[in-house]
Amino acid sequence: MKTKLLIILSLLIFTLGYKDTIEAQIYEAQNEEKEQLSKRYVCPMHPEVVRDNPGKCPICGMKLQEEKQDEYYCPMHPDYVSKNPGKCPKCGMRLKKDGKNRSENFKNTNKL
């Protein structure tokens, strides 16, 4: 009797763990698909030319470049990066828009 109960319990735990693994894989695939759909490609010479896929500009033939999306970082924790403005979860400081100063800020914090 105990053996049957142990086998049933083991199968139940295995089934629940397997279900979580499948759900995680589906979630990752959906996020990857959304990320690919959000990418846009533009011509550096003709910003009005916007495509969903990489290719060449129909006007000048230049290679389309991936449109840069704004990123935000914490001045105290430059390793924390977010695609949305807000506050750093580590220290609560307001995130700054990514730019040329980010690497300079990171270098300055390492000198202390």
Protein backbone atom coordinates (compact mmCIF):
# COMPACT_ATOMS: atom_id res chain seq x y z
CA MET A 1 0.00 0.00 0.00
CA LYS A 2 2.79 2.41 0.93
CA THR A 3 4.65 1.54 -2.29
CA LYS A 4 1.60 2.38 -4.43
CA LEU A 5 1.12 5.66 -2.60
CA LEU A 6 4.80 6.51 -3.03
CA ILE A 7 4.65 5.73 -6.77
CA ILE A 8 1.52 7.85 -7.25
CA LEU A 9 3.03 10.72 -5.29
CA SER A 10 6.27 10.52 -7.33
CA LEU A 11 4.33 10.55 -10.62
CA LEU A 12 2.30 13.55 -9.45
CA ILE A 13 5.43 15.52 -8.52
CA PHE A 14 7.10 14.61 -11.83
CA THR A 15 4.00 15.68 -13.79
CA LEU A 16 3.78 19.04 -12.01
CA GLY A 17 7.49 19.73 -12.55
CA TYR A 18 7.24 18.82 -16.23
CA LYS A 19 4.22 21.13 -16.64
CA ASP A 20 6.19 24.06 -15.17
CA THR A 21 9.07 23.38 -17.56
CA ILE A 22 6.76 23.44 -20.58
CA GLU A 23 5.10 26.65 -19.39
CA ALA A 24 8.52 28.29 -18.94
CA GLN A 25 9.55 27.29 -22.47
CA ILE A 26 6.31 28.72 -23.90
CA TYR A 27 6.80 31.95 -21.95
CA GLU A 28 10.39 32.32 -23.22
CA ALA A 29 9.30 31.67 -26.81
CA GLN A 30 6.55 34.30 -26.56
CA ASN A 31 8.98 36.89 -25.13
CA GLU A 32 11.51 36.15 -27.86
CA GLU A 33 8.80 36.53 -30.51
CA LYS A 34 7.67 39.87 -29.03
CA GLU A 35 11.25 41.11 -28.98
CA GLN A 36 11.75 40.23 -32.64
CA LEU A 37 8.48 41.93 -33.59
CA SER A 38 9.51 45.09 -31.75
CA LYS A 39 12.72 45.47 -33.79
CA ARG A 40 12.59 48.01 -36.57
CA TYR A 41 15.17 48.80 -39.20
CA VAL A 42 15.76 52.27 -40.66
CA CYS A 43 17.93 53.79 -43.35
CA PRO A 44 20.60 56.12 -41.92
CA MET A 45 20.16 58.48 -44.90
CA HIS A 46 16.37 58.22 -45.23
CA PRO A 47 14.76 57.95 -41.76
CA GLU A 48 11.32 57.73 -43.36
CA VAL A 49 12.24 54.24 -44.65
CA VAL A 50 11.27 51.87 -41.81
CA ARG A 51 11.03 48.08 -42.14
CA ASP A 52 10.34 45.15 -39.81
CA ASN A 53 13.16 43.10 -41.33
CA PRO A 54 16.79 43.87 -42.17
CA GLY A 55 17.50 44.65 -45.80
CA LYS A 56 18.46 47.53 -48.07
CA CYS A 57 16.95 50.97 -48.50
CA PRO A 58 14.82 51.11 -51.67
CA ILE A 59 15.94 54.71 -52.29
CA CYS A 60 19.74 54.57 -51.90
CA GLY A 61 20.52 50.87 -51.43
CA MET A 62 22.25 51.33 -48.07
CA LYS A 63 21.95 48.58 -45.49
CA LEU A 64 19.13 49.25 -43.02
CA GLN A 65 20.27 49.58 -39.42
CA GLU A 66 18.43 48.40 -36.35
CA GLU A 67 16.60 51.29 -34.73
CA LYS A 68 18.12 52.00 -31.34
CA GLN A 69 15.63 51.88 -28.51
CA ASP A 70 16.18 54.01 -25.45
CA GLU A 71 17.64 52.27 -22.43
CA TYR A 72 17.72 53.56 -18.88
CA TYR A 73 20.39 52.84 -16.27
CA CYS A 74 21.07 53.57 -12.61
CA PRO A 75 23.89 56.07 -11.98
CA MET A 76 24.91 54.13 -8.86
CA HIS A 77 24.53 50.67 -10.44
CA PRO A 78 25.47 51.04 -14.15
CA ASP A 79 25.08 47.30 -14.60
CA TYR A 80 21.29 47.66 -14.07
CA VAL A 81 19.61 48.46 -17.41
CA SER A 82 15.90 48.82 -18.18
CA LYS A 83 13.94 49.60 -21.34
CA ASN A 84 11.52 51.73 -19.34
CA PRO A 85 12.08 54.81 -17.16
CA GLY A 86 11.57 54.33 -13.44
CA LYS A 87 13.58 53.70 -10.28
CA CYS A 88 16.46 51.38 -9.56
CA PRO A 89 15.30 48.33 -7.58
CA LYS A 90 18.62 48.28 -5.69
CA CYS A 91 18.82 51.87 -4.40
CA GLY A 92 15.61 53.64 -5.49
CA MET A 93 17.38 56.31 -7.59
CA ARG A 94 15.67 57.54 -10.74
CA LEU A 95 17.03 55.84 -13.87
CA LYS A 96 18.87 57.97 -16.45
CA LYS A 97 18.52 57.70 -20.20
CA ASP A 98 21.43 55.83 -21.75
CA GLY A 99 23.88 58.02 -23.60
CA LYS A 100 27.55 58.85 -24.03
CA ASN A 101 27.89 59.74 -20.34
CA ARG A 102 27.06 56.24 -19.15
CA SER A 103 30.51 54.83 -19.73
CA GLU A 104 32.07 57.96 -18.22
CA ASN A 105 29.90 57.60 -15.10
CA PHE A 106 30.89 53.96 -14.82
CA LYS A 107 34.60 54.84 -15.09
CA ASN A 108 34.23 57.58 -12.44
CA THR A 109 32.58 55.21 -9.96
CA ASN A 110 35.43 52.70 -10.37
CA LYS A 111 38.07 55.31 -9.47
CA LEU A 112 36.80 55.73 -5.91
